[in-house]
């Protein structure tokens, strides 16, 4: 059974930083891409960042480029999202997911995906 558990969310002031972690189990971690998605209040879930199984390739939504950084430690079965220069519009529930990244119209989705339960990130102005 595949399980993903996010941690590291919380409340931060605008301009601050947070680091999200996602610990995975139940599947050969390095064989799959990983992604972070988010869903803000009243919005649809959107792609934030993705990383290939090897960790060599990374992908970002335009809204977070230069501020967020995704990485993974395959020895620890963990993926990270370092979020810097946070803005109030980054407020959302953040989800990590494992699967195969698919490019579509400038964004990404995941096939054969398993999802974490989500974690709240709130950025105050």
C-alpha atoms as a PDB file:
ATOM      1  CA  UNK A   1       0.000   0.000   0.000  1.00  0.00           C
ATOM      2  CA  UNK A   2       1.418   3.333  -1.068  1.00  0.00           C
ATOM      3  CA  UNK A   3       1.462   6.010   1.605  1.00  0.00           C
ATOM      4  CA  UNK A   4       2.591   9.614   1.412  1.00  0.00           C
ATOM      5  CA  UNK A   5       2.816  11.764   4.520  1.00  0.00           C
ATOM      6  CA  UNK A   6       3.441  15.505   4.265  1.00  0.00           C
ATOM      7  CA  UNK A   7       4.928  17.622   7.045  1.00  0.00           C
ATOM      8  CA  UNK A   8       6.331  21.111   7.583  1.00  0.00           C
ATOM      9  CA  UNK A   9       3.335  23.280   6.832  1.00  0.00           C
ATOM     10  CA  UNK A  10       2.041  26.090   8.996  1.00  0.00           C
ATOM     11  CA  UNK A  11       1.594  29.830   9.276  1.00  0.00           C
ATOM     12  CA  UNK A  12       4.276  32.223   8.047  1.00  0.00           C
ATOM     13  CA  UNK A  13       4.462  35.924   7.281  1.00  0.00           C
ATOM     14  CA  UNK A  14       4.830  37.173   3.735  1.00  0.00           C
ATOM     15  CA  UNK A  15       8.462  37.060   2.681  1.00  0.00           C
ATOM     16  CA  UNK A  16       9.182  34.124   4.944  1.00  0.00           C
ATOM     17  CA  UNK A  17      10.159  30.545   4.180  1.00  0.00           C
ATOM     18  CA  UNK A  18       8.873  27.050   4.813  1.00  0.00           C
ATOM     19  CA  UNK A  19      10.159  23.609   3.908  1.00  0.00           C
ATOM     20  CA  UNK A  20       7.669  20.870   3.183  1.00  0.00           C
ATOM     21  CA  UNK A  21       8.634  17.217   3.377  1.00  0.00           C
ATOM     22  CA  UNK A  22       6.837  14.169   2.048  1.00  0.00           C
ATOM     23  CA  UNK A  23       7.808  10.691   3.217  1.00  0.00           C
ATOM     24  CA  UNK A  24       6.782   7.862   0.889  1.00  0.00           C
ATOM     25  CA  UNK A  25       6.391   4.143   1.424  1.00  0.00           C
ATOM     26  CA  UNK A  26       4.940   1.167  -0.389  1.00  0.00           C
ATOM     27  CA  UNK A  27       6.526   1.627  -3.803  1.00  0.00           C
ATOM     28  CA  UNK A  28      10.046   1.744  -5.231  1.00  0.00           C
ATOM     29  CA  UNK A  29      10.540   5.439  -4.616  1.00  0.00           C
ATOM     30  CA  UNK A  30      13.261   6.178  -7.145  1.00  0.00           C
ATOM     31  CA  UNK A  31      11.294   4.562  -9.990  1.00  0.00           C
ATOM     32  CA  UNK A  32       8.674   7.305  -9.967  1.00  0.00           C
ATOM     33  CA  UNK A  33       8.448  11.020 -10.491  1.00  0.00           C
ATOM     34  CA  UNK A  34       7.230  13.113  -7.583  1.00  0.00           C
ATOM     35  CA  UNK A  35       5.153  16.251  -7.633  1.00  0.00           C
ATOM     36  CA  UNK A  36       3.803  18.956  -5.389  1.00  0.00           C
ATOM     37  CA  UNK A  37       0.364  20.388  -6.091  1.00  0.00           C
ATOM     38  CA  UNK A  38      -1.750  22.893  -4.199  1.00  0.00           C
ATOM     39  CA  UNK A  39      -5.355  23.940  -3.854  1.00  0.00           C
ATOM     40  CA  UNK A  40      -6.117  27.437  -2.649  1.00  0.00           C
ATOM     41  CA  UNK A  41      -9.445  28.624  -1.242  1.00  0.00           C
ATOM     42  CA  UNK A  42     -12.081  28.475  -3.956  1.00  0.00           C
ATOM     43  CA  UNK A  43      -9.571  27.296  -6.549  1.00  0.00           C
ATOM     44  CA  UNK A  44      -8.863  24.110  -8.428  1.00  0.00           C
ATOM     45  CA  UNK A  45      -5.831  22.024  -7.561  1.00  0.00           C
ATOM     46  CA  UNK A  46      -2.784  23.176  -9.538  1.00  0.00           C
ATOM     47  CA  UNK A  47       0.700  21.917 -10.288  1.00  0.00           C
ATOM     48  CA  UNK A  48       3.510  23.546  -8.289  1.00  0.00           C
ATOM     49  CA  UNK A  49       6.687  21.559  -8.879  1.00  0.00           C
ATOM     50  CA  UNK A  50       7.840  18.151 -10.086  1.00  0.00           C
ATOM     51  CA  UNK A  51      11.007  16.082 -10.058  1.00  0.00           C
ATOM     52  CA  UNK A  52      12.126  13.018 -11.988  1.00  0.00           C
ATOM     53  CA  UNK A  53      12.882   9.721 -10.276  1.00  0.00           C
ATOM     54  CA  UNK A  54      16.623  10.311 -10.479  1.00  0.00           C
ATOM     55  CA  UNK A  55      16.265  13.886  -9.262  1.00  0.00           C
ATOM     56  CA  UNK A  56      18.058  15.243 -12.317  1.00  0.00           C
ATOM     57  CA  UNK A  57      15.088  16.959 -13.936  1.00  0.00           C
ATOM     58  CA  UNK A  58      12.888  19.490 -12.150  1.00  0.00           C
ATOM     59  CA  UNK A  59       9.835  21.394 -13.296  1.00  0.00           C
ATOM     60  CA  UNK A  60       8.056  24.427 -11.871  1.00  0.00           C
ATOM     61  CA  UNK A  61       4.901  26.425 -12.343  1.00  0.00           C
ATOM     62  CA  UNK A  62       5.637  29.942 -13.554  1.00  0.00           C
ATOM     63  CA  UNK A  63       4.110  31.359 -10.375  1.00  0.00           C
ATOM     64  CA  UNK A  64       6.791  29.772  -8.168  1.00  0.00           C
ATOM     65  CA  UNK A  65       9.895  29.795 -10.376  1.00  0.00           C
ATOM     66  CA  UNK A  66      12.836  31.379  -8.602  1.00  0.00           C
ATOM     67  CA  UNK A  67      11.128  31.110  -5.204  1.00  0.00           C
ATOM     68  CA  UNK A  68      10.446  27.382  -4.710  1.00  0.00           C
ATOM     69  CA  UNK A  69      12.864  24.483  -5.043  1.00  0.00           C
ATOM     70  CA  UNK A  70      12.000  20.790  -5.222  1.00  0.00           C
ATOM     71  CA  UNK A  71      14.477  18.067  -4.279  1.00  0.00           C
ATOM     72  CA  UNK A  72      14.456  14.426  -3.277  1.00  0.00           C
ATOM     73  CA  UNK A  73      16.511  12.023  -1.197  1.00  0.00           C
ATOM     74  CA  UNK A  74      15.977   8.540  -2.621  1.00  0.00           C
ATOM     75  CA  UNK A  75      17.869   6.968   0.281  1.00  0.00           C
ATOM     76  CA  UNK A  76      15.241   8.408   2.639  1.00  0.00           C
ATOM     77  CA  UNK A  77      12.231   8.002   0.303  1.00  0.00           C
ATOM     78  CA  UNK A  78      11.507  11.682   0.848  1.00  0.00           C
ATOM     79  CA  UNK A  79      10.770  14.650  -1.394  1.00  0.00           C
ATOM     80  CA  UNK A  80      11.094  18.253  -0.275  1.00  0.00           C
ATOM     81  CA  UNK A  81       9.691  21.602  -1.314  1.00  0.00           C
ATOM     82  CA  UNK A  82      11.694  24.608  -0.145  1.00  0.00           C
ATOM     83  CA  UNK A  83       9.478  27.680  -0.342  1.00  0.00           C
ATOM     84  CA  UNK A  84      11.095  31.103  -0.079  1.00  0.00           C
ATOM     85  CA  UNK A  85       9.758  34.644  -0.490  1.00  0.00           C
ATOM     86  CA  UNK A  86       6.281  33.400   0.288  1.00  0.00           C
ATOM     87  CA  UNK A  87       3.296  35.480  -0.750  1.00  0.00           C
ATOM     88  CA  UNK A  88      -0.284  35.506   0.553  1.00  0.00           C
ATOM     89  CA  UNK A  89      -1.386  33.976  -2.759  1.00  0.00           C
ATOM     90  CA  UNK A  90       0.712  30.897  -1.924  1.00  0.00           C
ATOM     91  CA  UNK A  91      -1.816  30.090   0.808  1.00  0.00           C
ATOM     92  CA  UNK A  92      -3.219  26.648   0.012  1.00  0.00           C
ATOM     93  CA  UNK A  93      -3.364  23.021   0.974  1.00  0.00           C
ATOM     94  CA  UNK A  94      -0.246  21.428  -0.486  1.00  0.00           C
ATOM     95  CA  UNK A  95      -0.278  17.829  -1.674  1.00  0.00           C
ATOM     96  CA  UNK A  96       2.596  15.600  -2.652  1.00  0.00           C
ATOM     97  CA  UNK A  97       2.055  12.843  -5.156  1.00  0.00           C
ATOM     98  CA  UNK A  98       3.965  10.018  -6.805  1.00  0.00           C
ATOM     99  CA  UNK A  99       3.497   8.781 -10.348  1.00  0.00           C
ATOM    100  CA  UNK A 100       4.567   9.736 -13.864  1.00  0.00           C
ATOM    101  CA  UNK A 101       4.705  13.414 -14.772  1.00  0.00           C
ATOM    102  CA  UNK A 102       2.879  14.321 -17.975  1.00  0.00           C
ATOM    103  CA  UNK A 103       3.385  17.656 -19.670  1.00  0.00           C
ATOM    104  CA  UNK A 104       0.257  19.424 -20.931  1.00  0.00           C
ATOM    105  CA  UNK A 105      -0.175  22.989 -22.055  1.00  0.00           C
ATOM    106  CA  UNK A 106       2.670  24.402 -20.006  1.00  0.00           C
ATOM    107  CA  UNK A 107       1.766  22.535 -16.855  1.00  0.00           C
ATOM    108  CA  UNK A 108       2.036  18.999 -15.544  1.00  0.00           C
ATOM    109  CA  UNK A 109      -0.194  16.270 -14.214  1.00  0.00           C
ATOM    110  CA  UNK A 110       0.582  12.835 -12.815  1.00  0.00           C
ATOM    111  CA  UNK A 111      -0.539   9.485 -14.151  1.00  0.00           C
ATOM    112  CA  UNK A 112      -0.734   6.350 -12.006  1.00  0.00           C
ATOM    113  CA  UNK A 113      -0.740   8.730  -9.088  1.00  0.00           C
ATOM    114  CA  UNK A 114      -0.984   8.297  -5.372  1.00  0.00           C
ATOM    115  CA  UNK A 115      -1.612  11.350  -3.218  1.00  0.00           C
ATOM    116  CA  UNK A 116      -0.843  12.472   0.282  1.00  0.00           C
ATOM    117  CA  UNK A 117      -3.528  13.815   2.582  1.00  0.00           C
ATOM    118  CA  UNK A 118      -2.403  17.411   2.149  1.00  0.00           C
ATOM    119  CA  UNK A 119      -0.980  19.997   4.499  1.00  0.00           C
ATOM    120  CA  UNK A 120      -2.016  23.589   5.097  1.00  0.00           C
ATOM    121  CA  UNK A 121       0.299  26.488   4.298  1.00  0.00           C
ATOM    122  CA  UNK A 122      -0.954  29.924   5.285  1.00  0.00           C
ATOM    123  CA  UNK A 123       0.925  33.099   4.383  1.00  0.00           C
ATOM    124  CA  UNK A 124      -0.185  36.230   6.213  1.00  0.00           C
ATOM    125  CA  UNK A 125       0.253  39.697   4.764  1.00  0.00           C
END
